[in-house]
Amino acid sequence: MPAAAWATLAISALIILFAAVGLLRVILHLRHVRRTLGSVLGGVRVIADETAPVPGALGSVNAHLKPVRDFCESV
């Protein structure tokens, strides 16, 4: 095999190797970003749950405060 063929194979192998390493780094960065976004999404869900409206508990609270309201209206 001529030297030009060996040089072409060596250069091709180096290009493929560098491309593979670059793609592997991109994959690792994307996995890290995915993990971080998962954590952020979990935090946002917790905040959304903590700041949700309270119409379900509002009836119970009003029922417990009825004696206080009645007292305030009688005074």
N, C-alpha and C. Protein backbone atom coordinates (compact mmCIF):
# COMPACT_ATOMS: atom_id res chain seq x y z
N MET A 1 0.86 -1.16 0.00
CA MET A 1 0.00 0.00 0.00
C MET A 1 0.91 1.23 0.00
N PRO A 2 0.61 2.21 -0.84
CA PRO A 2 1.46 3.40 -0.91
C PRO A 2 1.37 4.24 0.37
N ALA A 3 2.34 5.08 0.54
CA ALA A 3 2.41 5.93 1.74
C ALA A 3 1.24 6.91 1.79
N ALA A 4 0.77 7.37 0.65
CA ALA A 4 -0.36 8.30 0.61
C ALA A 4 -1.62 7.64 1.18
N ALA A 5 -1.79 6.36 0.93
CA ALA A 5 -2.96 5.64 1.45
C ALA A 5 -2.86 5.53 2.98
N TRP A 6 -1.68 5.22 3.49
CA TRP A 6 -1.50 5.15 4.94
C TRP A 6 -1.73 6.51 5.58
N ALA A 7 -1.24 7.56 4.95
CA ALA A 7 -1.43 8.90 5.49
C ALA A 7 -2.91 9.26 5.49
N THR A 8 -3.62 8.90 4.42
CA THR A 8 -5.06 9.17 4.34
C THR A 8 -5.80 8.42 5.44
N LEU A 9 -5.46 7.17 5.67
CA LEU A 9 -6.09 6.39 6.74
C LEU A 9 -5.79 6.97 8.11
N ALA A 10 -4.56 7.38 8.33
CA ALA A 10 -4.18 7.94 9.63
C ALA A 10 -4.91 9.26 9.87
N ILE A 11 -4.96 10.11 8.86
CA ILE A 11 -5.65 11.40 9.02
C ILE A 11 -7.14 11.17 9.21
N SER A 12 -7.72 10.24 8.48
CA SER A 12 -9.14 9.92 8.63
C SER A 12 -9.43 9.39 10.04
N ALA A 13 -8.55 8.53 10.54
CA ALA A 13 -8.73 7.98 11.88
C ALA A 13 -8.66 9.09 12.93
N LEU A 14 -7.75 10.04 12.77
CA LEU A 14 -7.64 11.15 13.71
C LEU A 14 -8.89 12.04 13.65
N ILE A 15 -9.38 12.31 12.46
CA ILE A 15 -10.59 13.13 12.34
C ILE A 15 -11.77 12.43 13.00
N ILE A 16 -11.92 11.14 12.76
CA ILE A 16 -13.02 10.38 13.37
C ILE A 16 -12.86 10.33 14.89
N LEU A 17 -11.64 10.16 15.37
CA LEU A 17 -11.39 10.12 16.81
C LEU A 17 -11.76 11.45 17.46
N PHE A 18 -11.32 12.57 16.87
CA PHE A 18 -11.64 13.87 17.45
C PHE A 18 -13.14 14.16 17.39
N ALA A 19 -13.79 13.75 16.31
CA ALA A 19 -15.24 13.94 16.20
C ALA A 19 -15.96 13.11 17.26
N ALA A 20 -15.51 11.88 17.49
CA ALA A 20 -16.13 11.02 18.50
C ALA A 20 -15.94 11.60 19.90
N VAL A 21 -14.76 12.10 20.19
CA VAL A 21 -14.50 12.70 21.50
C VAL A 21 -15.37 13.95 21.68
N GLY A 22 -15.48 14.77 20.65
CA GLY A 22 -16.33 15.95 20.72
C GLY A 22 -17.78 15.59 20.95
N LEU A 23 -18.28 14.59 20.24
CA LEU A 23 -19.67 14.15 20.43
C LEU A 23 -19.89 13.56 21.82
N LEU A 24 -18.90 12.85 22.33
CA LEU A 24 -19.01 12.31 23.68
C LEU A 24 -19.10 13.43 24.71
N ARG A 25 -18.32 14.49 24.53
CA ARG A 25 -18.38 15.63 25.44
C ARG A 25 -19.75 16.31 25.37
N VAL A 26 -20.30 16.43 24.17
CA VAL A 26 -21.63 17.02 24.02
C VAL A 26 -22.66 16.16 24.73
N ILE A 27 -22.56 14.86 24.59
CA ILE A 27 -23.50 13.95 25.25
C ILE A 27 -23.41 14.10 26.77
N LEU A 28 -22.21 14.18 27.30
CA LEU A 28 -22.05 14.32 28.74
C LEU A 28 -22.59 15.66 29.24
N HIS A 29 -22.37 16.73 28.48
CA HIS A 29 -22.91 18.03 28.87
C HIS A 29 -24.44 18.01 28.84
N LEU A 30 -25.01 17.40 27.82
CA LEU A 30 -26.47 17.33 27.73
C LEU A 30 -27.07 16.50 28.86
N ARG A 31 -26.39 15.44 29.26
CA ARG A 31 -26.88 14.64 30.39
C ARG A 31 -26.85 15.46 31.67
N HIS A 32 -25.80 16.25 31.85
CA HIS A 32 -25.71 17.11 33.04
C HIS A 32 -26.82 18.16 33.02
N VAL A 33 -27.07 18.76 31.87
CA VAL A 33 -28.13 19.76 31.74
C VAL A 33 -29.47 19.12 32.02
N ARG A 34 -29.69 17.90 31.53
CA ARG A 34 -30.95 17.20 31.77
C ARG A 34 -31.17 16.95 33.26
N ARG A 35 -30.11 16.54 33.95
CA ARG A 35 -30.20 16.30 35.39
C ARG A 35 -30.51 17.60 36.14
N THR A 36 -29.83 18.67 35.75
CA THR A 36 -30.06 19.96 36.40
C THR A 36 -31.47 20.46 36.15
N LEU A 37 -31.95 20.33 34.92
CA LEU A 37 -33.31 20.75 34.62
C LEU A 37 -34.34 19.91 35.36
N GLY A 38 -34.04 18.64 35.58
CA GLY A 38 -34.93 17.80 36.38
C GLY A 38 -35.03 18.31 37.81
N SER A 39 -33.90 18.74 38.37
CA SER A 39 -33.92 19.30 39.72
C SER A 39 -34.69 20.61 39.77
N VAL A 40 -34.49 21.45 38.77
CA VAL A 40 -35.21 22.73 38.72
C VAL A 40 -36.70 22.48 38.58
N LEU A 41 -37.07 21.55 37.72
CA LEU A 41 -38.48 21.24 37.53
C LEU A 41 -39.11 20.71 38.82
N GLY A 42 -38.37 19.89 39.56
CA GLY A 42 -38.87 19.42 40.86
C GLY A 42 -39.09 20.58 41.82
N GLY A 43 -38.17 21.53 41.84
CA GLY A 43 -38.33 22.71 42.70
C GLY A 43 -39.52 23.57 42.30
N VAL A 44 -39.72 23.72 41.00
CA VAL A 44 -40.86 24.51 40.52
C VAL A 44 -42.17 23.83 40.89
N ARG A 45 -42.20 22.50 40.81
CA ARG A 45 -43.42 21.78 41.20
C ARG A 45 -43.72 21.97 42.69
N VAL A 46 -42.69 21.95 43.51
CA VAL A 46 -42.89 22.16 44.94
C VAL A 46 -43.42 23.57 45.19
N ILE A 47 -42.84 24.56 44.51
CA ILE A 47 -43.32 25.93 44.67
C ILE A 47 -44.76 26.05 44.21
N ALA A 48 -45.10 25.42 43.10
CA ALA A 48 -46.47 25.48 42.60
C ALA A 48 -47.44 24.83 43.59
N ASP A 49 -47.03 23.72 44.20
CA ASP A 49 -47.89 23.07 45.19
C ASP A 49 -48.06 23.94 46.44
N GLU A 50 -46.98 24.59 46.85
CA GLU A 50 -47.04 25.41 48.06
C GLU A 50 -47.84 26.69 47.86
N THR A 51 -47.92 27.19 46.64
CA THR A 51 -48.62 28.44 46.37
C THR A 51 -49.95 28.22 45.67
N ALA A 52 -50.46 27.00 45.71
CA ALA A 52 -51.73 26.70 45.05
C ALA A 52 -52.88 27.40 45.78
N PRO A 53 -53.96 27.73 45.08
CA PRO A 53 -55.11 28.33 45.74
C PRO A 53 -55.72 27.37 46.76
N VAL A 54 -56.46 27.92 47.70
CA VAL A 54 -56.97 27.11 48.81
C VAL A 54 -58.50 27.00 48.82
N PRO A 55 -59.18 26.85 47.70
CA PRO A 55 -60.63 26.80 47.77
C PRO A 55 -61.15 25.58 48.52
N GLY A 56 -60.43 24.49 48.52
CA GLY A 56 -60.87 23.30 49.24
C GLY A 56 -60.88 23.48 50.74
N ALA A 57 -59.90 24.16 51.27
CA ALA A 57 -59.80 24.36 52.71
C ALA A 57 -60.56 25.60 53.17
N LEU A 58 -60.98 26.44 52.23
CA LEU A 58 -61.63 27.69 52.59
C LEU A 58 -62.94 27.47 53.33
N GLY A 59 -63.71 26.48 52.93
CA GLY A 59 -64.97 26.19 53.63
C GLY A 59 -64.74 25.78 55.06
N SER A 60 -63.74 24.98 55.31
CA SER A 60 -63.42 24.53 56.66
C SER A 60 -62.95 25.70 57.52
N VAL A 61 -62.14 26.57 56.95
CA VAL A 61 -61.65 27.73 57.70
C VAL A 61 -62.81 28.66 58.04
N ASN A 62 -63.69 28.89 57.08
CA ASN A 62 -64.85 29.75 57.35
C ASN A 62 -65.74 29.15 58.43
N ALA A 63 -65.89 27.83 58.41
CA ALA A 63 -66.72 27.18 59.42
C ALA A 63 -66.11 27.34 60.81
N HIS A 64 -64.79 27.23 60.91
CA HIS A 64 -64.13 27.39 62.20
C HIS A 64 -64.15 28.84 62.68
N LEU A 65 -64.20 29.80 61.77
CA LEU A 65 -64.20 31.20 62.15
C LEU A 65 -65.60 31.78 62.34
N LYS A 66 -66.63 30.99 62.11
CA LYS A 66 -68.01 31.48 62.26
C LYS A 66 -68.30 31.98 63.67
N PRO A 67 -67.87 31.29 64.73
CA PRO A 67 -68.12 31.83 66.07
C PRO A 67 -67.44 33.20 66.29
N VAL A 68 -66.27 33.37 65.74
CA VAL A 68 -65.57 34.65 65.88
C VAL A 68 -66.32 35.74 65.12
N ARG A 69 -66.78 35.43 63.92
CA ARG A 69 -67.53 36.41 63.14
C ARG A 69 -68.83 36.78 63.84
N ASP A 70 -69.53 35.77 64.38
CA ASP A 70 -70.77 36.04 65.10
C ASP A 70 -70.52 36.92 66.31
N PHE A 71 -69.43 36.67 67.03
CA PHE A 71 -69.09 37.49 68.20
C PHE A 71 -68.80 38.93 67.79
N CYS A 72 -68.04 39.09 66.70
CA CYS A 72 -67.68 40.44 66.24
C CYS A 72 -68.92 41.21 65.78
N GLU A 73 -69.87 40.52 65.17
CA GLU A 73 -71.08 41.20 64.72
C GLU A 73 -71.99 41.56 65.89
N SER A 74 -71.93 40.82 66.99
CA SER A 74 -72.77 41.09 68.13
C SER A 74 -72.25 42.24 68.99
N VAL A 75 -70.98 42.54 68.85
CA VAL A 75 -70.36 43.60 69.68
C VAL A 75 -70.65 44.93 69.14
